């Protein structure tokens, strides 16, 4: 399992979006965003909002279940 910090870095690179742009989506400063990445202190709402803005879904998968049969819990940023 990737740490959130690495996941955000990978998504940023793949989607060609900067931390400043992601911070703007959340309405926070780049420094605040960087602190949240380093400390892993994003709220579920912030993660859902980021995912939605990137055209992605935030998915939780039961790590104790067989991946083929694991249940997905999808949180939409539209709630």
Protein backbone atom coordinates (compact mmCIF):
# COMPACT_ATOMS: atom_id res chain seq x y z
CA UNK A 1 0.00 0.00 0.00
CA UNK A 2 1.34 3.40 -0.96
CA UNK A 3 1.54 6.14 1.61
CA UNK A 4 -0.72 9.10 0.93
CA UNK A 5 2.33 11.32 0.39
CA UNK A 6 3.62 9.10 -2.44
CA UNK A 7 0.14 8.64 -3.90
CA UNK A 8 -0.38 12.41 -4.15
CA UNK A 9 3.07 12.81 -5.72
CA UNK A 10 2.32 10.09 -8.30
CA UNK A 11 -1.10 11.54 -9.14
CA UNK A 12 0.37 15.03 -9.42
CA UNK A 13 2.95 13.77 -11.92
CA UNK A 14 0.49 11.65 -13.91
CA UNK A 15 -2.15 14.39 -14.11
CA UNK A 16 0.44 17.15 -14.65
CA UNK A 17 -0.94 19.23 -11.80
CA UNK A 18 1.09 21.12 -9.23
CA UNK A 19 0.66 21.19 -5.47
CA UNK A 20 -0.30 24.85 -5.85
CA UNK A 21 -3.14 23.88 -8.19
CA UNK A 22 -4.30 21.17 -5.80
CA UNK A 23 -4.12 23.64 -2.91
CA UNK A 24 -6.27 26.08 -4.89
CA UNK A 25 -8.91 23.36 -5.37
CA UNK A 26 -9.13 23.12 -1.59
CA UNK A 27 -8.96 26.87 -1.06
CA UNK A 28 -5.77 26.67 1.01
CA UNK A 29 -2.20 27.90 0.61
CA UNK A 30 0.50 25.81 -1.02
CA UNK A 31 2.31 25.70 2.34
CA UNK A 32 -0.82 24.43 4.12
CA UNK A 33 -1.28 21.79 1.40
CA UNK A 34 2.36 20.73 1.73
CA UNK A 35 1.94 20.42 5.50
CA UNK A 36 -1.16 18.26 5.03
CA UNK A 37 0.77 16.00 2.65
CA UNK A 38 3.74 15.67 5.03
CA UNK A 39 1.56 15.05 8.10
CA UNK A 40 -1.17 13.03 6.36
CA UNK A 41 -3.87 15.28 7.82
CA UNK A 42 -6.38 15.54 4.97
CA UNK A 43 -10.03 15.22 5.93
CA UNK A 44 -12.15 12.73 3.99
CA UNK A 45 -13.99 15.71 2.45
CA UNK A 46 -10.72 17.23 1.24
CA UNK A 47 -9.63 13.94 -0.32
CA UNK A 48 -13.01 13.52 -2.01
CA UNK A 49 -12.87 17.10 -3.33
CA UNK A 50 -9.37 16.56 -4.73
CA UNK A 51 -10.34 13.26 -6.33
CA UNK A 52 -13.43 14.81 -7.90
CA UNK A 53 -11.45 17.75 -9.30
CA UNK A 54 -8.99 15.31 -10.89
CA UNK A 55 -11.73 13.18 -12.44
CA UNK A 56 -10.97 10.36 -10.02
CA UNK A 57 -12.81 8.44 -7.32
CA UNK A 58 -11.74 7.99 -3.74
CA UNK A 59 -12.10 4.28 -3.02
CA UNK A 60 -11.66 2.38 0.24
CA UNK A 61 -10.96 -1.33 -0.11
CA UNK A 62 -11.13 -3.76 2.81
CA UNK A 63 -7.47 -4.73 3.18
CA UNK A 64 -8.42 -7.96 4.94
CA UNK A 65 -10.58 -9.16 2.06
CA UNK A 66 -9.45 -10.94 -1.07
CA UNK A 67 -9.02 -8.10 -3.59
CA UNK A 68 -11.10 -9.96 -6.18
CA UNK A 69 -14.00 -10.02 -3.76
CA UNK A 70 -13.26 -6.90 -1.71
CA UNK A 71 -16.07 -4.43 -1.26
CA UNK A 72 -15.51 -0.91 -2.51
CA UNK A 73 -16.85 2.05 -0.60
CA UNK A 74 -16.99 5.04 -2.92
CA UNK A 75 -17.21 8.53 -1.49
CA UNK A 76 -18.41 11.10 -3.96
CA UNK A 77 -17.45 14.74 -3.65
CA UNK A 78 -20.98 15.61 -4.76
CA UNK A 79 -22.64 14.95 -1.39
